[in-house]
Amino acid sequence: MDKKWWTLIAVCVGTFMLLLDVTIVVVALPDIQRSLHASFSDVQWVVDAYALALASFLLTSGVLADRYGRRLLFLIGLVVFTAGSLLCGLAQTSLMLILSRAGQGVGGAIMFSTSLALLGHSFRGRDRGVAFGVWGAITGVAVSLGPILGGVITTGISWRGIFLVNVPIGIAALAVTRWRVDESRAARPGRLDLPGFGLLTLGLVGLIYGLIRAGEAGWSDTGAIVSLAVGAVLLAGFVLAERTVTDPMFDLGLFRKPTFVGGLAAAFAMNGSLFAMLLYLVLYLQDILGYSALDTGVRLLVSSGSLLVAATVAGRLSERVSARWLIGPGLLAVGAGLLLMTGLDAQSSWTHLVPGFIVSGVGAGFVNPPLASTAIGVVEPERAGMASGINSTFRQIGLATSIAALGSIFTTSLHNRLTQGLTGTALAPHAGQILNAVRQGQVSNQVGTGAGALPPPLRSELETLVRSSFTGALDILLVVTGVLALVGGAASMLLIRDRDFVVRQPEGERPPVRQPPA
């Protein structure tokens, strides 16, 4: 078999693993929480550590690959990702798991930033279109299969299996890449923007840590306030630094293009709404309704299946329909779907979510195929890599910041509702015990370990209170994310304009890149 097809196999395997790990872990989080005795903030960090590392290292990795070799960097990314997966599977504490997830994210960023360049170097003409089409299909399948595969592995083996399965696959991909993939470099690589990398990474960490801590300790907590302030200052410093360095990570001049800004707004809103809500919907399905990881994954297929079908249709329509009329209405549908899920109460079943799952899944499917072509379609070919990287970075920033912000809103609302519900009842003497259990993430259909010591009649009363408090807090998150998606959809329709797209010759140019949904 020709080397170029081996390159396609290696790139698709690496991409499949790194994107699968965006969503596969979500359905395993309740099991991870119980196994490692993790708090709710720890659960947030398991997702955010991966997304933050992806966002921080994506653009820097691309520059390093251009300078030192794309195959070399892809190999390094595979090694780091595979080692991170092994450490995740062996983690004995929540801190070890979070740090290992960050390592996975670093490896994933390196692989993702080099994947398209490797394919572009190996393929020409019609074969290039085939290669990019296969790669685009793999990205959609990976994210769509994540919840169900996570459920199968978690229920059939354990949550550790979702990470350990990457190890033999990663080793096989390493062998193929080492012996069957050709090396390539950029003719004129850019300079490494170390100030920008440092300021962006530390600024995002400060912002995310502050949001998560505020949810855990309260918005008046000094540590949360200081962290948020430091994060804001560092991010402002990043913007200033990018205006002065010779080869910036973010070319701020791109923000003068309305269509580019509209694409970023859509990227942030897409990941910050539906995909961020997956964490809280999974906690509801497992902790409150009592479904297993596999049962949860099966139910989420309603959403991911709708997404995959709609993405296939949108991919064909994108050649004939303006991007604004796919992205904008798609995000509006995502928002409408999230709002359809509201109205939950203590007696609700999972079927209450089905209409919202379908509508939001279809909307997400219509957003993703044209979104990447919007990011790179408004710039010259030589800047397409940066434009695509910025769009991917905004996706991960949207996911990480939204999960942290939603967690803060959720814990505050849940705490207030429980406190109000406990006041003046027979459960009032146990309020401290119950609230402490809730803060530690011990909210389940058995109402957690703290409730286990209560007399049976009180346990039943408390279970009803927890269910109603949880669904009430979840309703707030659905409204917040629904509005975010609606705003993103409106911004996309206003900002994305056909006249901003750069006209290119079809032969010899890289085709539109399909970005992953998450």
Protein backbone atom coordinates (compact mmCIF):
# COMPACT_ATOMS: atom_id res chain seq x y z
CA MET A 1 0.00 0.00 0.00
CA ASP A 2 1.24 3.47 -0.90
CA LYS A 3 2.78 5.49 1.96
CA LYS A 4 0.20 8.24 1.64
CA TRP A 5 -2.60 5.86 2.66
CA TRP A 6 -0.59 4.76 5.69
CA THR A 7 -0.32 8.46 6.53
CA LEU A 8 -4.10 8.77 6.33
CA ILE A 9 -4.52 5.74 8.63
CA ALA A 10 -2.07 7.09 11.22
CA VAL A 11 -3.59 10.58 11.19
CA CYS A 12 -7.17 9.29 11.41
CA VAL A 13 -6.34 6.91 14.28
CA GLY A 14 -4.65 9.70 16.23
CA THR A 15 -7.46 12.15 15.53
CA PHE A 16 -10.10 9.57 16.43
CA MET A 17 -8.48 8.93 19.82
CA LEU A 18 -8.01 12.56 20.79
CA LEU A 19 -11.53 13.61 19.80
CA LEU A 20 -13.11 10.51 21.30
CA ASP A 21 -11.58 11.48 24.63
CA VAL A 22 -13.44 14.80 24.56
CA THR A 23 -16.80 13.05 25.01
CA ILE A 24 -16.07 9.44 26.02
CA VAL A 25 -15.09 10.50 29.54
CA VAL A 26 -18.36 12.33 30.24
CA VAL A 27 -20.53 9.27 30.90
CA ALA A 28 -17.81 7.81 33.15
CA LEU A 29 -17.59 10.86 35.42
CA PRO A 30 -20.07 9.65 38.09
CA ASP A 31 -18.15 6.34 38.35
CA ILE A 32 -14.86 8.24 38.54
CA GLN A 33 -16.33 10.48 41.24
CA ARG A 34 -17.35 7.53 43.38
CA SER A 35 -14.18 5.51 42.77
CA LEU A 36 -11.75 8.32 43.60
CA HIS A 37 -14.01 10.04 46.19
CA ALA A 38 -13.76 13.17 44.05
CA SER A 39 -15.60 16.41 44.67
CA PHE A 40 -17.78 18.16 42.10
CA SER A 41 -14.97 20.62 41.32
CA ASP A 42 -12.63 17.66 40.66
CA VAL A 43 -15.13 16.33 38.12
CA GLN A 44 -15.16 19.70 36.36
CA TRP A 45 -11.37 19.71 36.21
CA VAL A 46 -11.28 16.23 34.64
CA VAL A 47 -13.01 17.76 31.60
CA ASP A 48 -11.48 21.24 31.77
CA ALA A 49 -7.85 20.10 32.13
CA TYR A 50 -8.10 18.35 28.77
CA ALA A 51 -9.87 21.25 27.04
CA LEU A 52 -7.48 23.85 28.50
CA ALA A 53 -4.40 21.94 27.37
CA LEU A 54 -5.86 21.60 23.88
CA ALA A 55 -6.64 25.33 23.73
CA SER A 56 -3.24 26.40 25.08
CA PHE A 57 -0.93 24.19 23.00
CA LEU A 58 -2.74 24.01 19.66
CA LEU A 59 -1.24 27.04 17.90
CA THR A 60 2.21 26.70 19.49
CA SER A 61 2.41 23.05 18.40
CA GLY A 62 1.72 24.04 14.80
CA VAL A 63 4.65 26.45 14.76
CA LEU A 64 6.97 23.83 16.28
CA ALA A 65 5.84 21.29 13.68
CA ASP A 66 6.56 23.69 10.82
CA ARG A 67 10.08 24.26 12.16
CA TYR A 68 11.18 20.83 13.45
CA GLY A 69 9.11 18.46 11.36
CA ARG A 70 5.46 17.49 11.30
CA ARG A 71 6.04 13.75 11.55
CA LEU A 72 8.39 14.28 14.50
CA LEU A 73 5.84 16.40 16.35
CA PHE A 74 3.04 13.96 15.52
CA LEU A 75 5.15 11.16 16.99
CA ILE A 76 5.79 13.24 20.12
CA GLY A 77 2.08 13.96 20.39
CA LEU A 78 1.25 10.25 20.13
CA VAL A 79 3.80 9.39 22.84
CA VAL A 80 2.53 12.11 25.19
CA PHE A 81 -1.14 11.24 24.57
CA THR A 82 -0.57 7.49 25.01
CA ALA A 83 1.46 8.01 28.18
CA GLY A 84 -1.19 10.37 29.51
CA SER A 85 -3.88 7.77 28.78
CA LEU A 86 -1.91 5.11 30.67
CA LEU A 87 -1.50 7.40 33.68
CA CYS A 88 -5.23 8.27 33.58
CA GLY A 89 -6.09 4.57 33.67
CA LEU A 90 -3.75 4.00 36.62
CA ALA A 91 -4.77 7.15 38.56
CA GLN A 92 -5.28 6.60 42.29
CA THR A 93 -6.33 10.14 43.18
CA SER A 94 -8.39 12.83 41.51
CA LEU A 95 -5.29 15.08 41.31
CA MET A 96 -3.33 12.41 39.44
CA LEU A 97 -6.22 11.96 37.03
CA ILE A 98 -6.55 15.71 36.40
CA LEU A 99 -2.82 16.11 35.72
CA SER A 100 -2.83 13.06 33.46
CA ARG A 101 -5.81 14.47 31.55
CA ALA A 102 -3.82 17.67 31.02
CA GLY A 103 -1.02 15.51 29.60
CA GLN A 104 -3.51 13.88 27.26
CA GLY A 105 -4.60 17.34 26.16
CA VAL A 106 -1.02 18.41 25.38
CA GLY A 107 -0.49 15.29 23.26
CA GLY A 108 -3.87 15.76 21.59
CA ALA A 109 -3.07 19.38 20.71
CA ILE A 110 0.22 18.36 19.09
CA MET A 111 -1.45 15.63 17.04
CA PHE A 112 -4.37 17.80 15.99
CA SER A 113 -2.17 20.72 14.94
CA THR A 114 -0.07 18.49 12.64
CA SER A 115 -2.76 16.19 11.23
CA LEU A 116 -3.95 18.34 8.34
CA ALA A 117 -0.42 19.44 7.40
CA LEU A 118 0.66 15.78 7.13
CA LEU A 119 -2.30 15.00 4.89
CA GLY A 120 -1.74 18.13 2.79
CA HIS A 121 1.90 17.13 2.21
CA SER A 122 1.11 13.51 1.29
CA PHE A 123 -1.94 13.96 -0.96
CA ARG A 124 -2.50 15.88 -4.19
CA GLY A 125 -5.39 16.41 -6.57
CA ARG A 126 -8.50 14.26 -6.22
CA ASP A 127 -6.87 12.00 -3.62
CA ARG A 128 -6.44 15.01 -1.35
CA GLY A 129 -10.19 15.59 -1.37
CA VAL A 130 -10.77 11.93 -0.52
CA ALA A 131 -8.26 12.10 2.36
CA PHE A 132 -9.78 15.24 3.84
CA GLY A 133 -13.26 13.80 3.43
CA VAL A 134 -12.30 10.65 5.33
CA TRP A 135 -10.63 12.74 8.05
CA GLY A 136 -13.74 14.92 8.35
CA ALA A 137 -15.97 11.86 8.67
CA ILE A 138 -13.72 10.43 11.38
CA THR A 139 -14.02 13.63 13.45
CA GLY A 140 -17.80 13.46 13.39
CA VAL A 141 -17.96 9.74 14.16
CA ALA A 142 -15.47 10.05 17.05
CA VAL A 143 -17.48 12.67 18.91
CA SER A 144 -20.81 10.98 18.17
CA LEU A 145 -19.63 7.55 19.38
CA GLY A 146 -18.00 8.90 22.54
CA PRO A 147 -20.98 8.60 24.93
CA ILE A 148 -22.04 5.12 23.86
CA LEU A 149 -18.48 3.72 23.78
CA GLY A 150 -17.84 5.30 27.16
CA GLY A 151 -20.98 3.64 28.50
CA VAL A 152 -20.10 0.21 27.09
CA ILE A 153 -16.53 0.27 28.44
CA THR A 154 -17.41 1.79 31.82
CA THR A 155 -20.26 -0.66 32.44
CA GLY A 156 -18.56 -3.71 30.93
CA ILE A 157 -15.03 -3.17 32.31
CA SER A 158 -14.54 -0.02 34.40
CA TRP A 159 -13.98 3.68 33.91
CA ARG A 160 -10.23 2.96 33.70
CA GLY A 161 -10.86 1.06 30.48
CA ILE A 162 -11.83 4.21 28.56
CA PHE A 163 -8.25 5.43 29.01
CA LEU A 164 -6.32 2.15 28.89
CA VAL A 165 -7.87 1.19 25.53
CA ASN A 166 -5.85 4.07 24.00
CA VAL A 167 -2.54 2.45 24.92
CA PRO A 168 -2.39 -0.44 22.39
CA ILE A 169 -4.03 1.76 19.72
CA GLY A 170 -1.49 4.51 20.38
CA ILE A 171 1.43 2.07 20.14
CA ALA A 172 0.13 0.75 16.81
CA ALA A 173 -0.25 4.33 15.49
CA LEU A 174 3.30 5.08 16.64
CA ALA A 175 4.66 2.12 14.67
CA VAL A 176 2.79 3.13 11.51
CA THR A 177 3.90 6.77 11.81
CA ARG A 178 7.53 5.86 12.52
CA TRP A 179 7.96 3.56 9.54
CA ARG A 180 5.38 4.60 6.95
CA VAL A 181 4.90 8.39 7.21
CA ASP A 182 7.21 10.86 5.46
CA GLU A 183 8.66 13.91 7.18
CA SER A 184 7.82 17.46 6.07
CA ARG A 185 8.58 21.02 7.20
CA ALA A 186 7.46 24.51 6.26
CA ALA A 187 9.74 26.45 3.91
CA ARG A 188 9.57 29.56 6.11
CA PRO A 189 8.44 28.56 9.62
CA GLY A 190 7.24 31.28 11.97
CA ARG A 191 8.83 32.19 15.25
CA LEU A 192 7.64 30.69 18.51
CA ASP A 193 5.48 33.16 20.44
CA LEU A 194 6.53 32.26 24.00
CA PRO A 195 5.08 35.40 25.67
CA GLY A 196 1.73 34.80 23.99
CA PHE A 197 1.72 31.11 24.92
CA GLY A 198 2.58 31.83 28.57
CA LEU A 199 0.07 34.65 29.02
CA LEU A 200 -2.78 32.77 27.31
CA THR A 201 -2.20 29.55 29.26
CA LEU A 202 -1.82 31.17 32.68
CA GLY A 203 -4.69 33.58 32.01
CA LEU A 204 -7.07 30.76 31.11
CA VAL A 205 -6.00 28.66 34.10
CA GLY A 206 -6.55 31.63 36.42
CA LEU A 207 -9.98 32.30 34.94
CA ILE A 208 -11.12 28.67 35.09
CA TYR A 209 -9.73 28.10 38.58
CA GLY A 210 -11.46 31.25 39.84
CA LEU A 211 -14.82 30.19 38.39
CA ILE A 212 -14.60 26.67 39.83
CA ARG A 213 -13.43 27.93 43.22
CA ALA A 214 -16.25 30.48 43.32
CA GLY A 215 -18.74 27.66 42.87
CA GLU A 216 -17.11 25.66 45.64
CA ALA A 217 -16.36 28.38 48.22
CA GLY A 218 -18.67 31.24 47.17
CA TRP A 219 -18.23 34.38 45.11
CA SER A 220 -16.99 36.32 48.13
CA ASP A 221 -14.04 33.95 48.57
CA THR A 222 -10.74 35.86 48.42
CA GLY A 223 -8.96 33.13 46.48
CA ALA A 224 -11.66 33.09 43.79
CA ILE A 225 -11.62 36.88 43.43
CA VAL A 226 -7.81 37.03 43.22
CA SER A 227 -7.69 34.19 40.70
CA LEU A 228 -10.32 35.81 38.46
CA ALA A 229 -8.55 39.18 38.66
CA VAL A 230 -5.15 37.67 37.85
CA GLY A 231 -6.65 35.69 34.96
CA ALA A 232 -8.26 38.83 33.53
CA VAL A 233 -5.00 40.80 33.80
CA LEU A 234 -2.99 38.05 32.12
CA LEU A 235 -5.50 37.71 29.28
CA ALA A 236 -5.41 41.49 28.78
CA GLY A 237 -1.61 41.21 28.74
CA PHE A 238 -1.91 38.50 26.09
CA VAL A 239 -3.90 40.84 23.83
CA LEU A 240 -1.28 43.58 24.29
CA ALA A 241 1.58 41.16 23.65
CA GLU A 242 0.03 39.93 20.41
CA ARG A 243 0.05 43.50 19.13
CA THR A 244 3.83 43.79 19.53
CA VAL A 245 5.43 40.40 18.70
CA THR A 246 6.70 39.71 15.18
CA ASP A 247 4.93 36.37 14.70
CA PRO A 248 1.88 36.38 17.00
CA MET A 249 -0.10 33.26 17.91
CA PHE A 250 -3.25 35.29 17.26
CA ASP A 251 -3.11 37.75 14.39
CA LEU A 252 -5.42 40.39 15.84
CA GLY A 253 -5.87 41.82 12.36
CA LEU A 254 -8.14 38.86 11.61
CA PHE A 255 -10.65 40.27 14.07
CA ARG A 256 -11.31 43.14 11.66
CA LYS A 257 -13.12 40.65 9.41
CA PRO A 258 -16.77 40.37 10.55
CA THR A 259 -17.13 36.87 9.13
CA PHE A 260 -14.09 35.63 11.04
CA VAL A 261 -15.51 37.08 14.27
CA GLY A 262 -18.88 35.51 13.50
CA GLY A 263 -17.18 32.14 13.12
CA LEU A 264 -15.44 32.54 16.47
CA ALA A 265 -18.71 33.52 18.15
CA ALA A 266 -20.32 30.39 16.71
CA ALA A 267 -17.38 28.19 17.81
CA PHE A 268 -17.50 29.53 21.37
CA ALA A 269 -21.30 29.33 21.60
CA MET A 270 -21.46 25.82 20.14
CA ASN A 271 -19.05 24.26 22.63
CA GLY A 272 -20.13 26.51 25.47
CA SER A 273 -23.78 25.51 25.19
CA LEU A 274 -24.73 21.96 24.15
CA PHE A 275 -21.36 20.26 24.68
CA ALA A 276 -20.76 21.91 28.05
CA MET A 277 -24.25 20.84 29.16
CA LEU A 278 -23.41 17.18 28.51
CA LEU A 279 -21.60 16.97 31.86
CA TYR A 280 -24.64 18.12 33.84
CA LEU A 281 -27.12 16.08 31.79
CA VAL A 282 -25.02 12.96 32.45
CA LEU A 283 -24.99 13.71 36.18
CA TYR A 284 -28.77 14.04 36.05
CA LEU A 285 -29.26 10.78 34.16
CA GLN A 286 -26.94 8.79 36.42
CA ASP A 287 -26.98 10.46 39.85
CA ILE A 288 -30.66 11.43 39.95
CA LEU A 289 -32.43 8.99 37.62
CA GLY A 290 -30.06 6.14 38.51
CA TYR A 291 -29.10 4.96 35.02
CA SER A 292 -25.85 3.08 34.45
CA ALA A 293 -23.11 4.50 32.23
CA LEU A 294 -24.25 2.25 29.37
CA ASP A 295 -27.91 3.23 29.79
CA THR A 296 -26.85 6.88 29.78
CA GLY A 297 -24.78 6.43 26.62
CA VAL A 298 -27.72 4.78 24.86
CA ARG A 299 -30.00 7.69 25.75
CA LEU A 300 -27.45 10.24 24.56
CA LEU A 301 -27.48 8.48 21.18
CA VAL A 302 -30.72 10.38 20.53
CA SER A 303 -28.64 13.57 20.47
CA SER A 304 -25.41 12.31 18.89
CA GLY A 305 -27.31 10.29 16.27
CA SER A 306 -29.30 13.36 15.27
CA LEU A 307 -26.06 15.32 15.08
CA LEU A 308 -24.39 12.79 12.80
CA VAL A 309 -27.34 12.57 10.39
CA ALA A 310 -27.72 16.36 10.22
CA ALA A 311 -23.97 16.84 9.70
CA THR A 312 -24.09 14.52 6.68
CA VAL A 313 -26.91 16.56 5.16
CA ALA A 314 -25.22 19.88 6.01
CA GLY A 315 -21.95 18.73 4.45
CA ARG A 316 -23.72 18.38 1.11
CA LEU A 317 -25.71 21.58 1.49
CA SER A 318 -22.62 23.63 2.36
CA GLU A 319 -21.53 23.58 -1.30
CA ARG A 320 -24.75 25.32 -2.38
CA VAL A 321 -26.03 27.16 0.71
CA SER A 322 -24.38 30.18 2.34
CA ALA A 323 -22.58 29.37 5.59
CA ARG A 324 -24.57 31.99 7.49
CA TRP A 325 -27.82 30.14 6.68
CA LEU A 326 -26.43 26.91 8.10
CA ILE A 327 -24.47 28.14 11.12
CA GLY A 328 -26.93 30.79 12.33
CA PRO A 329 -30.13 28.72 12.14
CA GLY A 330 -28.21 25.69 13.43
CA LEU A 331 -27.23 27.53 16.61
CA LEU A 332 -30.75 28.89 16.98
CA ALA A 333 -31.97 25.28 16.85
CA VAL A 334 -29.40 24.31 19.50
CA GLY A 335 -30.72 27.08 21.73
CA ALA A 336 -34.32 26.09 21.10
CA GLY A 337 -33.48 22.45 21.89
CA LEU A 338 -31.86 23.36 25.19
CA LEU A 339 -34.86 25.48 26.15
CA LEU A 340 -37.15 22.57 25.23
CA MET A 341 -35.41 20.52 27.94
CA THR A 342 -36.43 22.95 30.69
CA GLY A 343 -39.38 22.29 33.00
CA LEU A 344 -37.77 19.36 34.83
CA ASP A 345 -39.03 18.48 38.30
CA ALA A 346 -38.68 15.69 40.86
CA GLN A 347 -41.10 13.44 38.95
CA SER A 348 -39.62 13.93 35.46
CA SER A 349 -38.29 10.98 33.46
CA TRP A 350 -35.56 11.03 30.81
CA THR A 351 -38.14 11.14 28.00
CA HIS A 352 -38.76 14.77 28.95
CA LEU A 353 -35.36 15.49 27.34
CA VAL A 354 -35.99 13.66 24.04
CA PRO A 355 -37.47 16.55 21.98
CA GLY A 356 -34.65 18.83 23.11
CA PHE A 357 -32.04 16.16 22.37
CA ILE A 358 -33.32 15.82 18.79
CA VAL A 359 -33.66 19.54 18.03
CA SER A 360 -30.30 20.52 19.55
CA GLY A 361 -28.54 17.56 17.92
CA VAL A 362 -29.87 18.50 14.49
CA GLY A 363 -28.82 22.10 15.08
CA ALA A 364 -25.29 21.11 16.08
CA GLY A 365 -25.04 18.91 12.99
CA PHE A 366 -25.84 21.88 10.76
CA VAL A 367 -23.27 24.12 12.47
CA ASN A 368 -20.16 21.97 12.33
CA PRO A 369 -19.47 21.26 8.63
CA PRO A 370 -19.51 24.91 7.44
CA LEU A 371 -17.88 26.35 10.56
CA ALA A 372 -14.30 25.43 9.70
CA SER A 373 -14.60 26.59 6.11
CA THR A 374 -15.83 29.90 7.51
CA ALA A 375 -12.73 30.16 9.70
CA ILE A 376 -10.26 29.57 6.86
CA GLY A 377 -12.35 30.90 3.98
CA VAL A 378 -11.85 34.56 4.86
CA VAL A 379 -8.03 34.49 4.90
CA GLU A 380 -5.28 33.92 2.35
CA PRO A 381 -4.07 30.30 2.00
CA GLU A 382 -0.82 30.99 3.86
CA ARG A 383 -2.79 32.06 6.95
CA ALA A 384 -5.37 29.26 6.84
CA GLY A 385 -3.52 27.22 9.48
CA MET A 386 -3.59 30.07 12.00
CA ALA A 387 -7.23 30.89 11.26
CA SER A 388 -8.30 27.26 11.69
CA GLY A 389 -6.20 26.97 14.87
CA ILE A 390 -7.78 30.08 16.39
CA ASN A 391 -11.25 28.69 15.66
CA SER A 392 -10.35 25.37 17.32
CA THR A 393 -8.87 27.23 20.29
CA PHE A 394 -12.09 29.20 20.76
CA ARG A 395 -14.02 25.95 20.75
CA GLN A 396 -11.98 24.59 23.65
CA ILE A 397 -12.05 27.91 25.52
CA GLY A 398 -15.84 27.92 25.16
CA LEU A 399 -16.05 24.39 26.56
CA ALA A 400 -13.68 24.99 29.48
CA THR A 401 -14.99 28.37 30.60
CA SER A 402 -18.64 27.34 30.22
CA ILE A 403 -18.21 24.15 32.27
CA ALA A 404 -16.54 26.17 35.04
CA ALA A 405 -19.12 28.98 34.96
CA LEU A 406 -22.06 26.58 34.80
CA GLY A 407 -20.60 24.61 37.70
CA SER A 408 -20.46 27.75 39.81
CA ILE A 409 -24.07 28.62 38.96
CA PHE A 410 -25.18 25.05 39.54
CA THR A 411 -23.57 24.54 42.96
CA THR A 412 -24.76 27.93 44.21
CA SER A 413 -28.35 27.28 43.09
CA LEU A 414 -28.35 23.72 44.44
CA HIS A 415 -26.97 24.88 47.81
CA ASN A 416 -29.54 27.67 48.12
CA ARG A 417 -32.46 25.42 47.17
CA LEU A 418 -31.41 22.71 49.62
CA THR A 419 -30.87 25.23 52.42
CA GLN A 420 -34.31 26.73 51.84
CA GLY A 421 -35.93 23.30 51.60
CA LEU A 422 -34.31 22.04 54.82
CA THR A 423 -35.29 25.06 56.88
CA GLY A 424 -38.11 24.32 59.34
CA THR A 425 -38.30 20.59 58.54
CA ALA A 426 -37.41 17.45 60.46
CA LEU A 427 -34.25 17.36 58.34
CA ALA A 428 -33.02 20.72 59.67
CA PRO A 429 -30.79 19.17 62.40
CA HIS A 430 -28.96 17.24 59.67
CA ALA A 431 -28.53 20.28 57.39
CA GLY A 432 -24.77 20.61 57.96
CA GLN A 433 -24.21 16.93 57.20
CA ILE A 434 -26.35 17.04 54.07
CA LEU A 435 -24.88 20.25 52.66
CA ASN A 436 -21.35 18.98 53.24
CA ALA A 437 -22.20 15.78 51.34
CA VAL A 438 -23.59 17.86 48.47
CA ARG A 439 -20.44 20.01 48.35
CA GLN A 440 -18.40 16.81 48.04
CA GLY A 441 -20.48 15.73 45.06
CA GLN A 442 -22.35 13.02 46.95
CA VAL A 443 -25.69 13.58 45.26
CA SER A 444 -27.25 10.39 43.93
CA ASN A 445 -30.49 8.47 43.84
CA GLN A 446 -29.51 7.18 47.30
CA VAL A 447 -28.82 10.81 48.31
CA GLY A 448 -25.18 10.10 49.11
CA THR A 449 -23.27 8.77 52.07
CA GLY A 450 -24.24 11.65 54.30
CA ALA A 451 -27.87 10.69 54.01
CA GLY A 452 -27.21 7.04 54.71
CA ALA A 453 -27.21 7.65 58.45
CA LEU A 454 -30.72 9.16 58.40
CA PRO A 455 -33.83 7.20 59.43
CA PRO A 456 -35.68 5.67 56.42
CA PRO A 457 -38.64 8.14 56.44
CA LEU A 458 -36.24 11.09 56.44
CA ARG A 459 -34.15 9.54 53.66
CA SER A 460 -37.23 9.37 51.44
CA GLU A 461 -38.10 12.99 52.21
CA LEU A 462 -34.53 14.07 51.54
CA GLU A 463 -34.37 12.17 48.24
CA THR A 464 -37.41 14.10 46.99
CA LEU A 465 -35.85 17.39 48.11
CA VAL A 466 -32.53 16.60 46.41
CA ARG A 467 -34.26 15.61 43.16
CA SER A 468 -36.34 18.79 43.08
CA SER A 469 -33.34 20.97 44.00
CA PHE A 470 -31.13 19.28 41.40
CA THR A 471 -33.67 19.61 38.59
CA GLY A 472 -34.35 23.23 39.56
CA ALA A 473 -30.63 24.05 39.35
CA LEU A 474 -30.35 22.11 36.06
CA ASP A 475 -33.21 24.15 34.62
CA ILE A 476 -31.23 27.33 35.22
CA LEU A 477 -28.25 25.90 33.33
CA LEU A 478 -30.46 24.91 30.41
CA VAL A 479 -31.79 28.47 30.19
CA VAL A 480 -28.28 29.99 30.39
CA THR A 481 -26.84 27.71 27.70
CA GLY A 482 -29.95 28.04 25.57
CA VAL A 483 -29.62 31.83 25.60
CA LEU A 484 -25.88 31.55 24.83
CA ALA A 485 -26.64 29.44 21.75
CA LEU A 486 -29.37 31.85 20.63
CA VAL A 487 -27.02 34.83 20.99
CA GLY A 488 -24.30 32.95 19.10
CA GLY A 489 -26.77 32.13 16.33
CA ALA A 490 -27.93 35.74 16.03
CA ALA A 491 -24.32 37.00 15.99
CA SER A 492 -23.41 34.49 13.29
CA MET A 493 -26.27 35.56 11.06
CA LEU A 494 -25.39 39.23 11.49
CA LEU A 495 -21.61 38.92 11.07
CA ILE A 496 -21.03 36.14 8.51
CA ARG A 497 -21.11 37.63 5.00
CA ASP A 498 -20.52 35.94 1.66
CA ARG A 499 -18.47 38.86 0.34
CA ASP A 500 -15.79 38.32 3.01
CA PHE A 501 -14.76 34.93 1.64
CA VAL A 502 -11.51 34.78 -0.32
CA VAL A 503 -11.94 33.36 -3.83
CA ARG A 504 -9.42 30.57 -4.45
CA GLN A 505 -8.42 28.35 -7.32
CA PRO A 506 -9.72 24.84 -6.65
CA GLU A 507 -6.62 23.02 -7.90
CA GLY A 508 -3.67 22.97 -5.55
CA GLU A 509 -5.49 24.63 -2.70
CA ARG A 510 -6.35 22.91 0.54
CA PRO A 511 -10.06 22.07 0.70
CA PRO A 512 -12.25 23.35 3.51
CA VAL A 513 -11.35 21.64 6.75
CA ARG A 514 -14.09 20.02 8.76
CA GLN A 515 -13.61 20.95 12.37
CA PRO A 516 -14.57 18.49 15.12
CA PRO A 517 -17.81 19.14 16.99
CA ALA A 518 -16.03 19.39 20.31
